[in-house]
PDB file of N, CA and C in Angstrom:
ATOM      1  N   MET A   1      -5.447  -3.758  -5.994  1.00  0.00           N
ATOM      2  CA  MET A   1      -4.534  -2.748  -6.475  1.00  0.00           C
ATOM      3  C   MET A   1      -5.011  -2.263  -7.827  1.00  0.00           C
ATOM      4  N   ASN A   2      -4.920  -0.991  -8.028  1.00  0.00           N
ATOM      5  CA  ASN A   2      -5.334  -0.415  -9.297  1.00  0.00           C
ATOM      6  C   ASN A   2      -4.407  -0.883 -10.407  1.00  0.00           C
ATOM      7  N   GLY A   3      -4.986  -1.239 -11.537  1.00  0.00           N
ATOM      8  CA  GLY A   3      -4.193  -1.632 -12.683  1.00  0.00           C
ATOM      9  C   GLY A   3      -3.798  -3.098 -12.683  1.00  0.00           C
ATOM     10  N   CYS A   4      -4.192  -3.858 -11.663  1.00  0.00           N
ATOM     11  CA  CYS A   4      -3.848  -5.277 -11.607  1.00  0.00           C
ATOM     12  C   CYS A   4      -5.081  -6.108 -11.923  1.00  0.00           C
ATOM     13  N   VAL A   5      -4.879  -7.106 -12.763  1.00  0.00           N
ATOM     14  CA  VAL A   5      -5.970  -7.991 -13.125  1.00  0.00           C
ATOM     15  C   VAL A   5      -5.896  -9.265 -12.293  1.00  0.00           C
ATOM     16  N   TRP A   6      -4.705  -9.729 -12.011  1.00  0.00           N
ATOM     17  CA  TRP A   6      -4.518 -10.955 -11.243  1.00  0.00           C
ATOM     18  C   TRP A   6      -4.094 -10.608  -9.830  1.00  0.00           C
ATOM     19  N   SER A   7      -4.127 -11.633  -8.959  1.00  0.00           N
ATOM     20  CA  SER A   7      -3.756 -11.388  -7.571  1.00  0.00           C
ATOM     21  C   SER A   7      -2.262 -11.106  -7.421  1.00  0.00           C
ATOM     22  N   LEU A   8      -1.444 -11.587  -8.358  1.00  0.00           N
ATOM     23  CA  LEU A   8      -0.012 -11.299  -8.333  1.00  0.00           C
ATOM     24  C   LEU A   8       0.240 -10.148  -9.300  1.00  0.00           C
ATOM     25  N   CYS A   9       0.674  -9.027  -8.780  1.00  0.00           N
ATOM     26  CA  CYS A   9       0.811  -7.817  -9.585  1.00  0.00           C
ATOM     27  C   CYS A   9       2.280  -7.511  -9.842  1.00  0.00           C
ATOM     28  N   GLU A  10       2.575  -7.008 -11.034  1.00  0.00           N
ATOM     29  CA  GLU A  10       3.927  -6.589 -11.374  1.00  0.00           C
ATOM     30  C   GLU A  10       4.035  -5.076 -11.238  1.00  0.00           C
ATOM     31  N   VAL A  11       5.104  -4.640 -10.571  1.00  0.00           N
ATOM     32  CA  VAL A  11       5.361  -3.223 -10.349  1.00  0.00           C
ATOM     33  C   VAL A  11       6.760  -2.921 -10.867  1.00  0.00           C
ATOM     34  N   ILE A  12       6.925  -1.809 -11.566  1.00  0.00           N
ATOM     35  CA  ILE A  12       8.231  -1.411 -12.082  1.00  0.00           C
ATOM     36  C   ILE A  12       8.992  -0.678 -10.984  1.00  0.00           C
ATOM     37  N   SER A  13      10.244  -1.078 -10.784  1.00  0.00           N
ATOM     38  CA  SER A  13      11.104  -0.412  -9.811  1.00  0.00           C
ATOM     39  C   SER A  13      11.192   1.073 -10.150  1.00  0.00           C
ATOM     40  N   GLY A  14      11.069   1.931  -9.133  1.00  0.00           N
ATOM     41  CA  GLY A  14      11.103   3.370  -9.347  1.00  0.00           C
ATOM     42  C   GLY A  14       9.747   3.964  -9.684  1.00  0.00           C
ATOM     43  N   SER A  15       8.677   3.183  -9.496  1.00  0.00           N
ATOM     44  CA  SER A  15       7.343   3.679  -9.826  1.00  0.00           C
ATOM     45  C   SER A  15       6.445   3.713  -8.588  1.00  0.00           C
ATOM     46  N   THR A  16       5.252   4.241  -8.782  1.00  0.00           N
ATOM     47  CA  THR A  16       4.279   4.342  -7.698  1.00  0.00           C
ATOM     48  C   THR A  16       3.418   3.092  -7.657  1.00  0.00           C
ATOM     49  N   LEU A  17       3.214   2.584  -6.457  1.00  0.00           N
ATOM     50  CA  LEU A  17       2.334   1.450  -6.206  1.00  0.00           C
ATOM     51  C   LEU A  17       0.996   2.030  -5.757  1.00  0.00           C
ATOM     52  N   ASN A  18      -0.006   1.995  -6.636  1.00  0.00           N
ATOM     53  CA  ASN A  18      -1.312   2.574  -6.321  1.00  0.00           C
ATOM     54  C   ASN A  18      -2.211   1.509  -5.717  1.00  0.00           C
ATOM     55  N   LEU A  19      -2.493   1.648  -4.439  1.00  0.00           N
ATOM     56  CA  LEU A  19      -3.273   0.657  -3.717  1.00  0.00           C
ATOM     57  C   LEU A  19      -4.655   1.198  -3.407  1.00  0.00           C
ATOM     58  N   GLY A  20      -5.684   0.457  -3.792  1.00  0.00           N
ATOM     59  CA  GLY A  20      -7.055   0.785  -3.425  1.00  0.00           C
ATOM     60  C   GLY A  20      -7.527  -0.219  -2.390  1.00  0.00           C
ATOM     61  N   LEU A  21      -8.072   0.269  -1.300  1.00  0.00           N
ATOM     62  CA  LEU A  21      -8.507  -0.594  -0.205  1.00  0.00           C
ATOM     63  C   LEU A  21      -9.969  -0.303   0.095  1.00  0.00           C
ATOM     64  N   ASN A  22     -10.803  -1.352   0.034  1.00  0.00           N
ATOM     65  CA  ASN A  22     -12.228  -1.238   0.298  1.00  0.00           C
ATOM     66  C   ASN A  22     -12.532  -2.106   1.512  1.00  0.00           C
ATOM     67  N   PHE A  23     -13.063  -1.508   2.580  1.00  0.00           N
ATOM     68  CA  PHE A  23     -13.355  -2.293   3.782  1.00  0.00           C
ATOM     69  C   PHE A  23     -14.559  -1.723   4.509  1.00  0.00           C
ATOM     70  N   THR A  24     -15.138  -2.556   5.370  1.00  0.00           N
ATOM     71  CA  THR A  24     -16.201  -2.125   6.267  1.00  0.00           C
ATOM     72  C   THR A  24     -15.629  -2.100   7.672  1.00  0.00           C
ATOM     73  N   ALA A  25     -15.711  -0.961   8.323  1.00  0.00           N
ATOM     74  CA  ALA A  25     -15.154  -0.815   9.670  1.00  0.00           C
ATOM     75  C   ALA A  25     -15.956  -1.670  10.651  1.00  0.00           C
ATOM     76  N   VAL A  26     -15.258  -2.494  11.423  1.00  0.00           N
ATOM     77  CA  VAL A  26     -15.930  -3.316  12.432  1.00  0.00           C
ATOM     78  C   VAL A  26     -15.959  -2.611  13.788  1.00  0.00           C
ATOM     79  N   GLU A  27     -15.226  -1.503  13.871  1.00  0.00           N
ATOM     80  CA  GLU A  27     -15.234  -0.669  15.074  1.00  0.00           C
ATOM     81  C   GLU A  27     -14.994   0.770  14.643  1.00  0.00           C
ATOM     82  N   ASP A  28     -15.246   1.704  15.537  1.00  0.00           N
ATOM     83  CA  ASP A  28     -14.991   3.113  15.236  1.00  0.00           C
ATOM     84  C   ASP A  28     -13.491   3.329  15.025  1.00  0.00           C
ATOM     85  N   ILE A  29     -13.145   4.111  14.003  1.00  0.00           N
ATOM     86  CA  ILE A  29     -11.742   4.410  13.700  1.00  0.00           C
ATOM     87  C   ILE A  29     -11.588   5.927  13.631  1.00  0.00           C
ATOM     88  N   GLY A  30     -10.546   6.443  14.282  1.00  0.00           N
ATOM     89  CA  GLY A  30     -10.260   7.875  14.232  1.00  0.00           C
ATOM     90  C   GLY A  30     -11.245   8.719  15.006  1.00  0.00           C
ATOM     91  N   LEU A  31     -11.906   8.109  15.983  1.00  0.00           N
ATOM     92  CA  LEU A  31     -12.910   8.839  16.756  1.00  0.00           C
ATOM     93  C   LEU A  31     -12.272   9.900  17.643  1.00  0.00           C
ATOM     94  N   ASN A  32     -11.228   9.519  18.373  1.00  0.00           N
ATOM     95  CA  ASN A  32     -10.545  10.453  19.279  1.00  0.00           C
ATOM     96  C   ASN A  32      -9.056  10.573  18.991  1.00  0.00           C
ATOM     97  N   THR A  33      -8.589   9.892  17.962  1.00  0.00           N
ATOM     98  CA  THR A  33      -7.161   9.883  17.636  1.00  0.00           C
ATOM     99  C   THR A  33      -6.985  10.043  16.137  1.00  0.00           C
ATOM    100  N   GLN A  34      -5.737  10.180  15.705  1.00  0.00           N
ATOM    101  CA  GLN A  34      -5.424  10.236  14.280  1.00  0.00           C
ATOM    102  C   GLN A  34      -4.929   8.863  13.846  1.00  0.00           C
ATOM    103  N   ALA A  35      -5.766   8.141  13.107  1.00  0.00           N
ATOM    104  CA  ALA A  35      -5.384   6.824  12.603  1.00  0.00           C
ATOM    105  C   ALA A  35      -4.354   6.991  11.490  1.00  0.00           C
ATOM    106  N   ILE A  36      -3.408   6.063  11.416  1.00  0.00           N
ATOM    107  CA  ILE A  36      -2.314   6.123  10.445  1.00  0.00           C
ATOM    108  C   ILE A  36      -2.418   4.948   9.474  1.00  0.00           C
ATOM    109  N   VAL A  37      -2.273   5.238   8.177  1.00  0.00           N
ATOM    110  CA  VAL A  37      -2.204   4.214   7.137  1.00  0.00           C
ATOM    111  C   VAL A  37      -0.745   4.064   6.742  1.00  0.00           C
ATOM    112  N   SER A  38      -0.258   2.820   6.702  1.00  0.00           N
ATOM    113  CA  SER A  38       1.138   2.560   6.318  1.00  0.00           C
ATOM    114  C   SER A  38       1.193   1.443   5.293  1.00  0.00           C
ATOM    115  N   GLU A  39       2.135   1.570   4.355  1.00  0.00           N
ATOM    116  CA  GLU A  39       2.465   0.497   3.416  1.00  0.00           C
ATOM    117  C   GLU A  39       3.944   0.209   3.581  1.00  0.00           C
ATOM    118  N   ALA A  40       4.302  -1.074   3.567  1.00  0.00           N
ATOM    119  CA  ALA A  40       5.712  -1.455   3.691  1.00  0.00           C
ATOM    120  C   ALA A  40       5.988  -2.667   2.822  1.00  0.00           C
ATOM    121  N   LEU A  41       7.196  -2.712   2.243  1.00  0.00           N
ATOM    122  CA  LEU A  41       7.684  -3.922   1.588  1.00  0.00           C
ATOM    123  C   LEU A  41       8.345  -4.768   2.658  1.00  0.00           C
ATOM    124  N   ILE A  42       8.046  -6.056   2.682  1.00  0.00           N
ATOM    125  CA  ILE A  42       8.675  -6.962   3.633  1.00  0.00           C
ATOM    126  C   ILE A  42       9.869  -7.590   2.926  1.00  0.00           C
ATOM    127  N   ILE A  43      11.068  -7.275   3.420  1.00  0.00           N
ATOM    128  CA  ILE A  43      12.307  -7.772   2.818  1.00  0.00           C
ATOM    129  C   ILE A  43      13.072  -8.510   3.906  1.00  0.00           C
ATOM    130  N   VAL A  44      13.317  -9.788   3.677  1.00  0.00           N
ATOM    131  CA  VAL A  44      14.001 -10.657   4.640  1.00  0.00           C
ATOM    132  C   VAL A  44      13.325 -10.541   6.014  1.00  0.00           C
ATOM    133  N   GLY A  45      12.004 -10.562   6.012  1.00  0.00           N
ATOM    134  CA  GLY A  45      11.242 -10.539   7.250  1.00  0.00           C
ATOM    135  C   GLY A  45      11.109  -9.189   7.931  1.00  0.00           C
ATOM    136  N   ARG A  46      11.695  -8.150   7.355  1.00  0.00           N
ATOM    137  CA  ARG A  46      11.643  -6.818   7.976  1.00  0.00           C
ATOM    138  C   ARG A  46      10.845  -5.858   7.098  1.00  0.00           C
ATOM    139  N   PRO A  47       9.991  -5.025   7.708  1.00  0.00           N
ATOM    140  CA  PRO A  47       9.224  -4.058   6.919  1.00  0.00           C
ATOM    141  C   PRO A  47      10.056  -2.823   6.563  1.00  0.00           C
ATOM    142  N   PHE A  48       9.998  -2.432   5.300  1.00  0.00           N
ATOM    143  CA  PHE A  48      10.637  -1.204   4.825  1.00  0.00           C
ATOM    144  C   PHE A  48       9.530  -0.287   4.310  1.00  0.00           C
ATOM    145  N   PRO A  49       9.269   0.821   5.022  1.00  0.00           N
ATOM    146  CA  PRO A  49       8.140   1.697   4.675  1.00  0.00           C
ATOM    147  C   PRO A  49       8.264   2.289   3.274  1.00  0.00           C
ATOM    148  N   VAL A  50       7.127   2.316   2.560  1.00  0.00           N
ATOM    149  CA  VAL A  50       7.067   2.983   1.259  1.00  0.00           C
ATOM    150  C   VAL A  50       6.023   4.098   1.264  1.00  0.00           C
ATOM    151  N   TYR A  51       5.183   4.128   2.310  1.00  0.00           N
ATOM    152  CA  TYR A  51       4.132   5.148   2.375  1.00  0.00           C
ATOM    153  C   TYR A  51       3.560   5.190   3.786  1.00  0.00           C
ATOM    154  N   GLN A  52       3.255   6.401   4.250  1.00  0.00           N
ATOM    155  CA  GLN A  52       2.558   6.566   5.524  1.00  0.00           C
ATOM    156  C   GLN A  52       1.851   7.913   5.526  1.00  0.00           C
ATOM    157  N   THR A  53       0.607   7.927   5.997  1.00  0.00           N
ATOM    158  CA  THR A  53      -0.152   9.171   6.093  1.00  0.00           C
ATOM    159  C   THR A  53      -1.260   9.026   7.126  1.00  0.00           C
ATOM    160  N   ASN A  54      -1.849  10.142   7.467  1.00  0.00           N
ATOM    161  CA  ASN A  54      -3.008  10.154   8.345  1.00  0.00           C
ATOM    162  C   ASN A  54      -4.209   9.642   7.548  1.00  0.00           C
ATOM    163  N   LEU A  55      -4.933   8.685   8.097  1.00  0.00           N
ATOM    164  CA  LEU A  55      -6.102   8.125   7.419  1.00  0.00           C
ATOM    165  C   LEU A  55      -7.096   9.214   7.029  1.00  0.00           C
ATOM    166  N   CYS A  56      -7.228  10.227   7.863  1.00  0.00           N
ATOM    167  CA  CYS A  56      -8.204  11.298   7.612  1.00  0.00           C
ATOM    168  C   CYS A  56      -7.800  12.191   6.441  1.00  0.00           C
ATOM    169  N   ASP A  57      -6.562  12.046   5.937  1.00  0.00           N
ATOM    170  CA  ASP A  57      -6.161  12.734   4.710  1.00  0.00           C
ATOM    171  C   ASP A  57      -6.711  12.011   3.483  1.00  0.00           C
ATOM    172  N   LEU A  58      -7.141  10.748   3.663  1.00  0.00           N
ATOM    173  CA  LEU A  58      -7.613   9.925   2.549  1.00  0.00           C
ATOM    174  C   LEU A  58      -9.128   9.756   2.524  1.00  0.00           C
ATOM    175  N   THR A  59      -9.769   9.953   3.664  1.00  0.00           N
ATOM    176  CA  THR A  59     -11.214   9.758   3.777  1.00  0.00           C
ATOM    177  C   THR A  59     -11.736  10.566   4.966  1.00  0.00           C
ATOM    178  N   PRO A  60     -13.001  10.951   4.942  1.00  0.00           N
ATOM    179  CA  PRO A  60     -13.549  11.692   6.088  1.00  0.00           C
ATOM    180  C   PRO A  60     -13.503  10.864   7.377  1.00  0.00           C
ATOM    181  N   CYS A  61     -13.164  11.504   8.463  1.00  0.00           N
ATOM    182  CA  CYS A  61     -13.099  10.851   9.772  1.00  0.00           C
ATOM    183  C   CYS A  61     -14.033  11.561  10.733  1.00  0.00           C
ATOM    184  N   PRO A  62     -14.481  10.915  11.779  1.00  0.00           N
ATOM    185  CA  PRO A  62     -14.183   9.523  12.112  1.00  0.00           C
ATOM    186  C   PRO A  62     -14.957   8.560  11.214  1.00  0.00           C
ATOM    187  N   ILE A  63     -14.491   7.314  11.197  1.00  0.00           N
ATOM    188  CA  ILE A  63     -15.178   6.242  10.487  1.00  0.00           C
ATOM    189  C   ILE A  63     -15.912   5.438  11.554  1.00  0.00           C
ATOM    190  N   LEU A  64     -17.214   5.423  11.477  1.00  0.00           N
ATOM    191  CA  LEU A  64     -18.001   4.710  12.475  1.00  0.00           C
ATOM    192  C   LEU A  64     -18.151   3.241  12.097  1.00  0.00           C
ATOM    193  N   ALA A  65     -18.254   2.386  13.102  1.00  0.00           N
ATOM    194  CA  ALA A  65     -18.435   0.950  12.874  1.00  0.00           C
ATOM    195  C   ALA A  65     -19.606   0.724  11.918  1.00  0.00           C
ATOM    196  N   GLY A  66     -19.408  -0.187  10.955  1.00  0.00           N
ATOM    197  CA  GLY A  66     -20.435  -0.496   9.971  1.00  0.00           C
ATOM    198  C   GLY A  66     -20.344   0.325   8.702  1.00  0.00           C
ATOM    199  N   THR A  67     -19.481   1.335   8.684  1.00  0.00           N
ATOM    200  CA  THR A  67     -19.328   2.196   7.509  1.00  0.00           C
ATOM    201  C   THR A  67     -18.424   1.531   6.479  1.00  0.00           C
ATOM    202  N   ASN A  68     -18.861   1.536   5.206  1.00  0.00           N
ATOM    203  CA  ASN A  68     -18.018   1.036   4.121  1.00  0.00           C
ATOM    204  C   ASN A  68     -17.104   2.170   3.669  1.00  0.00           C
ATOM    205  N   VAL A  69     -15.816   1.880   3.524  1.00  0.00           N
ATOM    206  CA  VAL A  69     -14.810   2.896   3.207  1.00  0.00           C
ATOM    207  C   VAL A  69     -13.964   2.424   2.028  1.00  0.00           C
ATOM    208  N   VAL A  70     -13.655   3.340   1.124  1.00  0.00           N
ATOM    209  CA  VAL A  70     -12.712   3.076   0.037  1.00  0.00           C
ATOM    210  C   VAL A  70     -11.620   4.135   0.139  1.00  0.00           C
ATOM    211  N   ILE A  71     -10.373   3.687   0.228  1.00  0.00           N
ATOM    212  CA  ILE A  71      -9.249   4.626   0.239  1.00  0.00           C
ATOM    213  C   ILE A  71      -8.269   4.232  -0.852  1.00  0.00           C
ATOM    214  N   PHE A  72      -7.532   5.218  -1.350  1.00  0.00           N
ATOM    215  CA  PHE A  72      -6.469   4.996  -2.319  1.00  0.00           C
ATOM    216  C   PHE A  72      -5.191   5.556  -1.728  1.00  0.00           C
ATOM    217  N   ALA A  73      -4.188   4.688  -1.612  1.00  0.00           N
ATOM    218  CA  ALA A  73      -2.934   5.077  -0.971  1.00  0.00           C
ATOM    219  C   ALA A  73      -1.771   4.789  -1.917  1.00  0.00           C
ATOM    220  N   PRO A  74      -1.065   5.825  -2.368  1.00  0.00           N
ATOM    221  CA  PRO A  74       0.080   5.606  -3.254  1.00  0.00           C
ATOM    222  C   PRO A  74       1.355   5.342  -2.459  1.00  0.00           C
ATOM    223  N   GLY A  75       2.091   4.329  -2.847  1.00  0.00           N
ATOM    224  CA  GLY A  75       3.400   4.068  -2.242  1.00  0.00           C
ATOM    225  C   GLY A  75       4.444   4.085  -3.335  1.00  0.00           C
ATOM    226  N   PHE A  76       5.626   4.570  -3.051  1.00  0.00           N
ATOM    227  CA  PHE A  76       6.678   4.661  -4.067  1.00  0.00           C
ATOM    228  C   PHE A  76       7.679   3.537  -3.860  1.00  0.00           C
ATOM    229  N   VAL A  77       7.951   2.777  -4.915  1.00  0.00           N
ATOM    230  CA  VAL A  77       8.953   1.715  -4.879  1.00  0.00           C
ATOM    231  C   VAL A  77      10.262   2.313  -5.384  1.00  0.00           C
ATOM    232  N   GLN A  78      11.236   2.431  -4.499  1.00  0.00           N
ATOM    233  CA  GLN A  78      12.528   3.034  -4.845  1.00  0.00           C
ATOM    234  C   GLN A  78      13.169   2.306  -6.033  1.00  0.00           C
ATOM    235  N   SER A  79      13.836   3.051  -6.892  1.00  0.00           N
ATOM    236  CA  SER A  79      14.505   2.444  -8.047  1.00  0.00           C
ATOM    237  C   SER A  79      15.653   1.543  -7.614  1.00  0.00           C
ATOM    238  N   SER A  80      16.121   1.708  -6.375  1.00  0.00           N
ATOM    239  CA  SER A  80      17.201   0.855  -5.862  1.00  0.00           C
ATOM    240  C   SER A  80      16.685  -0.483  -5.330  1.00  0.00           C
ATOM    241  N   THR A  81      15.360  -0.669  -5.296  1.00  0.00           N
ATOM    242  CA  THR A  81      14.803  -1.939  -4.830  1.00  0.00           C
ATOM    243  C   THR A  81      15.092  -3.013  -5.868  1.00  0.00           C
ATOM    244  N   PRO A  82      15.788  -4.086  -5.473  1.00  0.00           N
ATOM    245  CA  PRO A  82      16.120  -5.141  -6.431  1.00  0.00           C
ATOM    246  C   PRO A  82      14.865  -5.834  -6.960  1.00  0.00           C
ATOM    247  N   PRO A  83      14.915  -6.298  -8.212  1.00  0.00           N
ATOM    248  CA  PRO A  83      13.767  -7.028  -8.746  1.00  0.00           C
ATOM    249  C   PRO A  83      13.557  -8.320  -7.959  1.00  0.00           C
ATOM    250  N   GLY A  84      12.321  -8.762  -7.919  1.00  0.00           N
ATOM    251  CA  GLY A  84      11.995 -10.005  -7.226  1.00  0.00           C
ATOM    252  C   GLY A  84      10.577  -9.979  -6.691  1.00  0.00           C
ATOM    253  N   MET A  85      10.232 -11.038  -5.962  1.00  0.00           N
ATOM    254  CA  MET A  85       8.911 -11.175  -5.375  1.00  0.00           C
ATOM    255  C   MET A  85       8.949 -10.642  -3.942  1.00  0.00           C
ATOM    256  N   TYR A  86       7.974  -9.803  -3.595  1.00  0.00           N
ATOM    257  CA  TYR A  86       7.925  -9.181  -2.274  1.00  0.00           C
ATOM    258  C   TYR A  86       6.516  -9.273  -1.691  1.00  0.00           C
ATOM    259  N   THR A  87       6.462  -9.244  -0.383  1.00  0.00           N
ATOM    260  CA  THR A  87       5.192  -9.106   0.318  1.00  0.00           C
ATOM    261  C   THR A  87       5.002  -7.632   0.645  1.00  0.00           C
ATOM    262  N   VAL A  88       3.807  -7.122   0.392  1.00  0.00           N
ATOM    263  CA  VAL A  88       3.445  -5.764   0.779  1.00  0.00           C
ATOM    264  C   VAL A  88       2.503  -5.880   1.973  1.00  0.00           C
ATOM    265  N   ARG A  89       2.781  -5.111   3.012  1.00  0.00           N
ATOM    266  CA  ARG A  89       1.916  -5.079   4.192  1.00  0.00           C
ATOM    267  C   ARG A  89       1.291  -3.692   4.305  1.00  0.00           C
ATOM    268  N   VAL A  90      -0.035  -3.666   4.390  1.00  0.00           N
ATOM    269  CA  VAL A  90      -0.780  -2.426   4.592  1.00  0.00           C
ATOM    270  C   VAL A  90      -1.437  -2.510   5.963  1.00  0.00           C
ATOM    271  N   THR A  91      -1.225  -1.487   6.777  1.00  0.00           N
ATOM    272  CA  THR A  91      -1.837  -1.469   8.105  1.00  0.00           C
ATOM    273  C   THR A  91      -2.536  -0.135   8.343  1.00  0.00           C
ATOM    274  N   ILE A  92      -3.583  -0.199   9.131  1.00  0.00           N
ATOM    275  CA  ILE A  92      -4.207   1.000   9.685  1.00  0.00           C
ATOM    276  C   ILE A  92      -4.130   0.841  11.194  1.00  0.00           C
ATOM    277  N   VAL A  93      -3.474   1.802  11.831  1.00  0.00           N
ATOM    278  CA  VAL A  93      -3.293   1.780  13.281  1.00  0.00           C
ATOM    279  C   VAL A  93      -4.039   2.967  13.869  1.00  0.00           C
ATOM    280  N   ASP A  94      -4.865   2.683  14.871  1.00  0.00           N
ATOM    281  CA  ASP A  94      -5.641   3.722  15.543  1.00  0.00           C
ATOM    282  C   ASP A  94      -5.491   3.549  17.046  1.00  0.00           C
ATOM    283  N   ASN A  95      -5.059   4.602  17.710  1.00  0.00           N
ATOM    284  CA  ASN A  95      -4.890   4.576  19.165  1.00  0.00           C
ATOM    285  C   ASN A  95      -3.972   3.426  19.593  1.00  0.00           C
ATOM    286  N   ALA A  96      -2.852   3.266  18.874  1.00  0.00           N
ATOM    287  CA  ALA A  96      -1.823   2.249  19.133  1.00  0.00           C
ATOM    288  C   ALA A  96      -2.332   0.824  18.937  1.00  0.00           C
ATOM    289  N   LYS A  97      -3.451   0.649  18.237  1.00  0.00           N
ATOM    290  CA  LYS A  97      -4.018  -0.677  17.977  1.00  0.00           C
ATOM    291  C   LYS A  97      -4.152  -0.867  16.469  1.00  0.00           C
ATOM    292  N   THR A  98      -3.656  -1.999  15.967  1.00  0.00           N
ATOM    293  CA  THR A  98      -3.807  -2.310  14.549  1.00  0.00           C
ATOM    294  C   THR A  98      -5.248  -2.733  14.299  1.00  0.00           C
ATOM    295  N   VAL A  99      -5.956  -1.955  13.482  1.00  0.00           N
ATOM    296  CA  VAL A  99      -7.351  -2.274  13.187  1.00  0.00           C
ATOM    297  C   VAL A  99      -7.510  -2.953  11.829  1.00  0.00           C
ATOM    298  N   ILE A 100      -6.525  -2.791  10.951  1.00  0.00           N
ATOM    299  CA  ILE A 100      -6.511  -3.486   9.663  1.00  0.00           C
ATOM    300  C   ILE A 100      -5.075  -3.863   9.350  1.00  0.00           C
ATOM    301  N   CYS A 101      -4.889  -5.110   8.916  1.00  0.00           N
ATOM    302  CA  CYS A 101      -3.579  -5.561   8.436  1.00  0.00           C
ATOM    303  C   CYS A 101      -3.826  -6.469   7.244  1.00  0.00           C
ATOM    304  N   LEU A 102      -3.241  -6.111   6.124  1.00  0.00           N
ATOM    305  CA  LEU A 102      -3.427  -6.839   4.878  1.00  0.00           C
ATOM    306  C   LEU A 102      -2.062  -7.083   4.265  1.00  0.00           C
ATOM    307  N   GLU A 103      -1.820  -8.316   3.813  1.00  0.00           N
ATOM    308  CA  GLU A 103      -0.568  -8.627   3.115  1.00  0.00           C
ATOM    309  C   GLU A 103      -0.889  -9.271   1.778  1.00  0.00           C
ATOM    310  N   PHE A 104      -0.109  -8.912   0.760  1.00  0.00           N
ATOM    311  CA  PHE A 104      -0.241  -9.517  -0.556  1.00  0.00           C
ATOM    312  C   PHE A 104       1.119  -9.498  -1.231  1.00  0.00           C
ATOM    313  N   THR A 105       1.237 -10.259  -2.309  1.00  0.00           N
ATOM    314  CA  THR A 105       2.517 -10.425  -2.996  1.00  0.00           C
ATOM    315  C   THR A 105       2.540  -9.620  -4.293  1.00  0.00           C
ATOM    316  N   ILE A 106       3.689  -8.986  -4.543  1.00  0.00           N
ATOM    317  CA  ILE A 106       3.922  -8.300  -5.815  1.00  0.00           C
ATOM    318  C   ILE A 106       5.257  -8.773  -6.384  1.00  0.00           C
ATOM    319  N   VAL A 107       5.434  -8.559  -7.665  1.00  0.00           N
ATOM    320  CA  VAL A 107       6.713  -8.809  -8.319  1.00  0.00           C
ATOM    321  C   VAL A 107       7.244  -7.460  -8.783  1.00  0.00           C
ATOM    322  N   ILE A 108       8.455  -7.125  -8.348  1.00  0.00           N
ATOM    323  CA  ILE A 108       9.088  -5.877  -8.774  1.00  0.00           C
ATOM    324  C   ILE A 108      10.020  -6.192  -9.934  1.00  0.00           C
ATOM    325  N   LYS A 109       9.860  -5.437 -11.021  1.00  0.00           N
ATOM    326  CA  LYS A 109      10.692  -5.606 -12.213  1.00  0.00           C
ATOM    327  C   LYS A 109      11.461  -4.322 -12.470  1.00  0.00           C
ATOM    328  N   MET A 110      12.575  -4.463 -13.138  1.00  0.00           N
ATOM    329  CA  MET A 110      13.357  -3.301 -13.547  1.00  0.00           C
ATOM    330  C   MET A 110      12.729  -2.716 -14.809  1.00  0.00           C
ATOM    331  N   ILE A 111      12.957  -1.432 -15.036  1.00  0.00           N
ATOM    332  CA  ILE A 111      12.500  -0.793 -16.267  1.00  0.00           C
ATOM    333  C   ILE A 111      13.259  -1.410 -17.427  1.00  0.00           C
ATOM    334  N   GLN A 112      12.519  -1.808 -18.445  1.00  0.00           N
ATOM    335  CA  GLN A 112      13.154  -2.398 -19.615  1.00  0.00           C
ATOM    336  C   GLN A 112      13.278  -1.341 -20.695  1.00  0.00           C
ATOM    337  N   CYS A 113      14.502  -1.077 -21.090  1.00  0.00           N
ATOM    338  CA  CYS A 113      14.750  -0.099 -22.148  1.00  0.00           C
ATOM    339  C   CYS A 113      14.646  -0.797 -23.490  1.00  0.00           C
ATOM    340  N   SER A 114      14.025  -0.132 -24.445  1.00  0.00           N
ATOM    341  CA  SER A 114      13.951  -0.713 -25.782  1.00  0.00           C
ATOM    342  C   SER A 114      15.237  -0.386 -26.523  1.00  0.00           C
ATOM    343  N   SER A 115      15.713  -1.356 -27.277  1.00  0.00           N
ATOM    344  CA  SER A 115      16.943  -1.121 -28.038  1.00  0.00           C
ATOM    345  C   SER A 115      16.583  -0.576 -29.413  1.00  0.00           C
ATOM    346  N   ASN A 116      17.395   0.330 -29.879  1.00  0.00           N
ATOM    347  CA  ASN A 116      17.170   0.929 -31.183  1.00  0.00           C
ATOM    348  C   ASN A 116      18.402   0.643 -32.029  1.00  0.00           C
ATOM    349  N   SER A 117      18.218  -0.156 -33.081  1.00  0.00           N
ATOM    350  CA  SER A 117      19.363  -0.547 -33.905  1.00  0.00           C
ATOM    351  C   SER A 117      19.803   0.556 -34.859  1.00  0.00           C
ATOM    352  N   GLU A 118      18.985   1.585 -35.034  1.00  0.00           N
ATOM    353  CA  GLU A 118      19.361   2.678 -35.923  1.00  0.00           C
ATOM    354  C   GLU A 118      20.164   3.719 -35.155  1.00  0.00           C
ATOM    355  N   LEU A 119      21.315   4.043 -35.639  1.00  0.00           N
ATOM    356  CA  LEU A 119      22.163   5.052 -35.001  1.00  0.00           C
ATOM    357  C   LEU A 119      22.266   6.279 -35.854  1.00  0.00           C
TER     358      LEU A 119
END
């Protein structure tokens, strides 16, 4: 993830989650179909979508097997999302088959307002 130094990343509620994904395709992707990239927060075992787009909007298609690909996918974390630790699931689905599935943990924090003692 962009802007993260450690494997556990902190994200502010109401902000964009900028995800960079670097992979080598082990099979052809988007050859005859429109592959879809999705990001979801897993809350109580259920996925809640934060982003979805056509893979070809992020990188040239088709992606042939053996090709190294870097994509950047922004997901928005709603300000109503309670603070806490969450699993993020990123998938690429092509022709009704999941070709990439990645999960990692983030911590969502609320925006902290600075107090000003001068009135």
